[in-house]
Amino acid sequence: KLDKPRYDTSLGQLTKKFLKLLSDASDGIVNLNTACTVLSVPKRRLYDITNVLEGAGLIRKSKRNNIQWMGRLSSPCGNIAKYQLEKRN
Protein backbone atom coordinates (compact mmCIF):
# COMPACT_ATOMS: atom_id res chain seq x y z
CA LYS A 1 0.00 0.00 0.00
CA LEU A 2 1.37 3.40 -0.97
CA ASP A 3 0.82 6.18 1.51
CA LYS A 4 -0.56 9.47 0.26
CA PRO A 5 1.72 12.49 0.57
CA ARG A 6 1.14 14.40 3.79
CA TYR A 7 -0.10 17.47 1.85
CA ASP A 8 -2.91 15.41 0.26
CA THR A 9 -4.16 14.29 3.67
CA SER A 10 -3.86 17.65 5.45
CA LEU A 11 -6.88 19.08 7.20
CA GLY A 12 -6.81 22.08 4.84
CA GLN A 13 -6.94 19.91 1.72
CA LEU A 14 -9.62 17.72 3.26
CA THR A 15 -11.67 20.82 4.08
CA LYS A 16 -11.47 21.96 0.45
CA LYS A 17 -12.63 18.54 -0.73
CA PHE A 18 -15.47 18.50 1.81
CA LEU A 19 -16.58 21.99 0.71
CA LYS A 20 -16.53 20.78 -2.89
CA LEU A 21 -18.89 17.96 -1.91
CA LEU A 22 -21.22 20.50 -0.30
CA SER A 23 -20.99 22.70 -3.37
CA ASP A 24 -21.84 19.81 -5.69
CA ALA A 25 -24.85 18.74 -3.62
CA SER A 26 -28.01 20.04 -5.29
CA ASP A 27 -29.68 20.82 -1.96
CA GLY A 28 -26.49 21.81 -0.13
CA ILE A 29 -26.75 18.80 2.17
CA VAL A 30 -24.13 16.08 2.53
CA ASN A 31 -24.37 12.88 4.54
CA LEU A 32 -21.23 12.39 6.65
CA ASN A 33 -21.16 8.63 6.05
CA THR A 34 -21.21 9.21 2.30
CA ALA A 35 -18.55 11.91 2.60
CA CYS A 36 -16.30 9.52 4.57
CA THR A 37 -16.58 6.96 1.80
CA VAL A 38 -16.06 9.43 -1.04
CA LEU A 39 -13.11 11.14 0.64
CA SER A 40 -11.66 7.89 2.08
CA VAL A 41 -11.21 9.33 5.57
CA PRO A 42 -12.39 8.37 9.06
CA LYS A 43 -15.45 10.18 10.33
CA ARG A 44 -13.45 11.80 13.16
CA ARG A 45 -11.48 13.79 10.55
CA LEU A 46 -14.74 15.17 9.17
CA TYR A 47 -15.88 16.00 12.70
CA ASP A 48 -12.78 18.21 13.05
CA ILE A 49 -13.86 20.11 9.95
CA THR A 50 -17.58 20.29 10.67
CA ASN A 51 -17.07 21.48 14.24
CA VAL A 52 -15.04 24.47 13.04
CA LEU A 53 -17.41 25.29 10.15
CA GLU A 54 -20.43 24.98 12.46
CA GLY A 55 -18.79 27.26 15.02
CA ALA A 56 -18.25 29.82 12.26
CA GLY A 57 -21.93 29.59 11.31
CA LEU A 58 -21.20 28.24 7.82
CA ILE A 59 -22.89 24.87 8.23
CA ARG A 60 -25.45 23.23 10.48
CA LYS A 61 -26.39 19.68 11.31
CA SER A 62 -29.76 19.25 9.61
CA LYS A 63 -30.45 15.63 10.57
CA ARG A 64 -28.42 12.83 12.04
CA ASN A 65 -25.18 12.62 10.03
CA ASN A 66 -26.36 15.29 7.56
CA ILE A 67 -24.58 18.62 7.15
CA GLN A 68 -26.22 21.60 5.45
CA TRP A 69 -24.43 24.64 4.01
CA MET A 70 -25.61 27.88 5.69
CA GLY A 71 -23.00 30.34 4.39
CA ARG A 72 -23.93 33.71 2.94
CA LEU A 73 -23.20 32.76 -0.66
CA SER A 74 -24.99 29.92 -2.39
CA SER A 75 -21.76 28.01 -2.93
CA PRO A 76 -19.35 27.05 -0.15
CA CYS A 77 -16.41 27.09 -2.58
CA GLY A 78 -17.41 30.57 -3.76
CA ASN A 79 -17.55 31.81 -0.17
CA ILE A 80 -14.08 30.46 0.58
CA ALA A 81 -12.67 32.00 -2.61
CA LYS A 82 -14.18 35.36 -1.65
CA TYR A 83 -12.67 35.11 1.83
CA GLN A 84 -9.24 34.31 0.39
CA LEU A 85 -9.43 37.35 -1.91
CA GLU A 86 -10.42 39.63 0.98
CA LYS A 87 -7.59 38.22 3.09
CA ARG A 88 -5.01 39.05 0.39
CA ASN A 89 -6.15 42.67 0.08
C-alpha atoms as a PDB file:
ATOM      1  CA  LYS A   1       0.000   0.000   0.000  1.00  0.00           C
ATOM      2  CA  LEU A   2       1.370   3.396  -0.968  1.00  0.00           C
ATOM      3  CA  ASP A   3       0.820   6.177   1.514  1.00  0.00           C
ATOM      4  CA  LYS A   4      -0.560   9.467   0.261  1.00  0.00           C
ATOM      5  CA  PRO A   5       1.717  12.488   0.574  1.00  0.00           C
ATOM      6  CA  ARG A   6       1.136  14.404   3.793  1.00  0.00           C
ATOM      7  CA  TYR A   7      -0.100  17.467   1.845  1.00  0.00           C
ATOM      8  CA  ASP A   8      -2.906  15.409   0.264  1.00  0.00           C
ATOM      9  CA  THR A   9      -4.156  14.289   3.673  1.00  0.00           C
ATOM     10  CA  SER A  10      -3.860  17.646   5.445  1.00  0.00           C
ATOM     11  CA  LEU A  11      -6.884  19.085   7.198  1.00  0.00           C
ATOM     12  CA  GLY A  12      -6.808  22.083   4.842  1.00  0.00           C
ATOM     13  CA  GLN A  13      -6.941  19.913   1.722  1.00  0.00           C
ATOM     14  CA  LEU A  14      -9.618  17.717   3.256  1.00  0.00           C
ATOM     15  CA  THR A  15     -11.672  20.818   4.079  1.00  0.00           C
ATOM     16  CA  LYS A  16     -11.474  21.956   0.445  1.00  0.00           C
ATOM     17  CA  LYS A  17     -12.627  18.536  -0.729  1.00  0.00           C
ATOM     18  CA  PHE A  18     -15.474  18.504   1.807  1.00  0.00           C
ATOM     19  CA  LEU A  19     -16.579  21.988   0.712  1.00  0.00           C
ATOM     20  CA  LYS A  20     -16.529  20.781  -2.894  1.00  0.00           C
ATOM     21  CA  LEU A  21     -18.891  17.957  -1.914  1.00  0.00           C
ATOM     22  CA  LEU A  22     -21.223  20.500  -0.295  1.00  0.00           C
ATOM     23  CA  SER A  23     -20.986  22.703  -3.368  1.00  0.00           C
ATOM     24  CA  ASP A  24     -21.836  19.814  -5.695  1.00  0.00           C
ATOM     25  CA  ALA A  25     -24.855  18.737  -3.625  1.00  0.00           C
ATOM     26  CA  SER A  26     -28.014  20.036  -5.295  1.00  0.00           C
ATOM     27  CA  ASP A  27     -29.681  20.817  -1.956  1.00  0.00           C
ATOM     28  CA  GLY A  28     -26.486  21.815  -0.134  1.00  0.00           C
ATOM     29  CA  ILE A  29     -26.754  18.804   2.173  1.00  0.00           C
ATOM     30  CA  VAL A  30     -24.130  16.076   2.528  1.00  0.00           C
ATOM     31  CA  ASN A  31     -24.369  12.876   4.542  1.00  0.00           C
ATOM     32  CA  LEU A  32     -21.227  12.388   6.647  1.00  0.00           C
ATOM     33  CA  ASN A  33     -21.160   8.629   6.051  1.00  0.00           C
ATOM     34  CA  THR A  34     -21.214   9.207   2.301  1.00  0.00           C
ATOM     35  CA  ALA A  35     -18.549  11.914   2.604  1.00  0.00           C
ATOM     36  CA  CYS A  36     -16.302   9.521   4.568  1.00  0.00           C
ATOM     37  CA  THR A  37     -16.582   6.956   1.802  1.00  0.00           C
ATOM     38  CA  VAL A  38     -16.058   9.427  -1.045  1.00  0.00           C
ATOM     39  CA  LEU A  39     -13.106  11.138   0.644  1.00  0.00           C
ATOM     40  CA  SER A  40     -11.657   7.893   2.079  1.00  0.00           C
ATOM     41  CA  VAL A  41     -11.207   9.331   5.567  1.00  0.00           C
ATOM     42  CA  PRO A  42     -12.393   8.366   9.057  1.00  0.00           C
ATOM     43  CA  LYS A  43     -15.455  10.184  10.331  1.00  0.00           C
ATOM     44  CA  ARG A  44     -13.452  11.799  13.157  1.00  0.00           C
ATOM     45  CA  ARG A  45     -11.476  13.795  10.553  1.00  0.00           C
ATOM     46  CA  LEU A  46     -14.742  15.172   9.166  1.00  0.00           C
ATOM     47  CA  TYR A  47     -15.879  16.000  12.701  1.00  0.00           C
ATOM     48  CA  ASP A  48     -12.783  18.207  13.054  1.00  0.00           C
ATOM     49  CA  ILE A  49     -13.860  20.108   9.946  1.00  0.00           C
ATOM     50  CA  THR A  50     -17.579  20.286  10.666  1.00  0.00           C
ATOM     51  CA  ASN A  51     -17.069  21.485  14.243  1.00  0.00           C
ATOM     52  CA  VAL A  52     -15.041  24.472  13.041  1.00  0.00           C
ATOM     53  CA  LEU A  53     -17.408  25.287  10.150  1.00  0.00           C
ATOM     54  CA  GLU A  54     -20.427  24.976  12.457  1.00  0.00           C
ATOM     55  CA  GLY A  55     -18.793  27.264  15.019  1.00  0.00           C
ATOM     56  CA  ALA A  56     -18.251  29.818  12.255  1.00  0.00           C
ATOM     57  CA  GLY A  57     -21.935  29.588  11.310  1.00  0.00           C
ATOM     58  CA  LEU A  58     -21.195  28.244   7.821  1.00  0.00           C
ATOM     59  CA  ILE A  59     -22.894  24.868   8.233  1.00  0.00           C
ATOM     60  CA  ARG A  60     -25.449  23.232  10.480  1.00  0.00           C
ATOM     61  CA  LYS A  61     -26.394  19.683  11.305  1.00  0.00           C
ATOM     62  CA  SER A  62     -29.755  19.253   9.606  1.00  0.00           C
ATOM     63  CA  LYS A  63     -30.448  15.633  10.573  1.00  0.00           C
ATOM     64  CA  ARG A  64     -28.419  12.827  12.041  1.00  0.00           C
ATOM     65  CA  ASN A  65     -25.180  12.619  10.027  1.00  0.00           C
ATOM     66  CA  ASN A  66     -26.358  15.294   7.563  1.00  0.00           C
ATOM     67  CA  ILE A  67     -24.579  18.615   7.148  1.00  0.00           C
ATOM     68  CA  GLN A  68     -26.220  21.604   5.448  1.00  0.00           C
ATOM     69  CA  TRP A  69     -24.432  24.642   4.012  1.00  0.00           C
ATOM     70  CA  MET A  70     -25.612  27.880   5.688  1.00  0.00           C
ATOM     71  CA  GLY A  71     -23.001  30.336   4.389  1.00  0.00           C
ATOM     72  CA  ARG A  72     -23.929  33.709   2.940  1.00  0.00           C
ATOM     73  CA  LEU A  73     -23.198  32.762  -0.662  1.00  0.00           C
ATOM     74  CA  SER A  74     -24.991  29.925  -2.393  1.00  0.00           C
ATOM     75  CA  SER A  75     -21.760  28.006  -2.933  1.00  0.00           C
ATOM     76  CA  PRO A  76     -19.346  27.055  -0.154  1.00  0.00           C
ATOM     77  CA  CYS A  77     -16.414  27.094  -2.582  1.00  0.00           C
ATOM     78  CA  GLY A  78     -17.406  30.569  -3.763  1.00  0.00           C
ATOM     79  CA  ASN A  79     -17.549  31.805  -0.172  1.00  0.00           C
ATOM     80  CA  ILE A  80     -14.080  30.461   0.584  1.00  0.00           C
ATOM     81  CA  ALA A  81     -12.671  32.002  -2.606  1.00  0.00           C
ATOM     82  CA  LYS A  82     -14.182  35.364  -1.655  1.00  0.00           C
ATOM     83  CA  TYR A  83     -12.672  35.112   1.834  1.00  0.00           C
ATOM     84  CA  GLN A  84      -9.243  34.310   0.392  1.00  0.00           C
ATOM     85  CA  LEU A  85      -9.426  37.353  -1.913  1.00  0.00           C
ATOM     86  CA  GLU A  86     -10.417  39.628   0.978  1.00  0.00           C
ATOM     87  CA  LYS A  87      -7.595  38.218   3.087  1.00  0.00           C
ATOM     88  CA  ARG A  88      -5.010  39.046   0.390  1.00  0.00           C
ATOM     89  CA  ASN A  89      -6.154  42.675   0.081  1.00  0.00           C
END
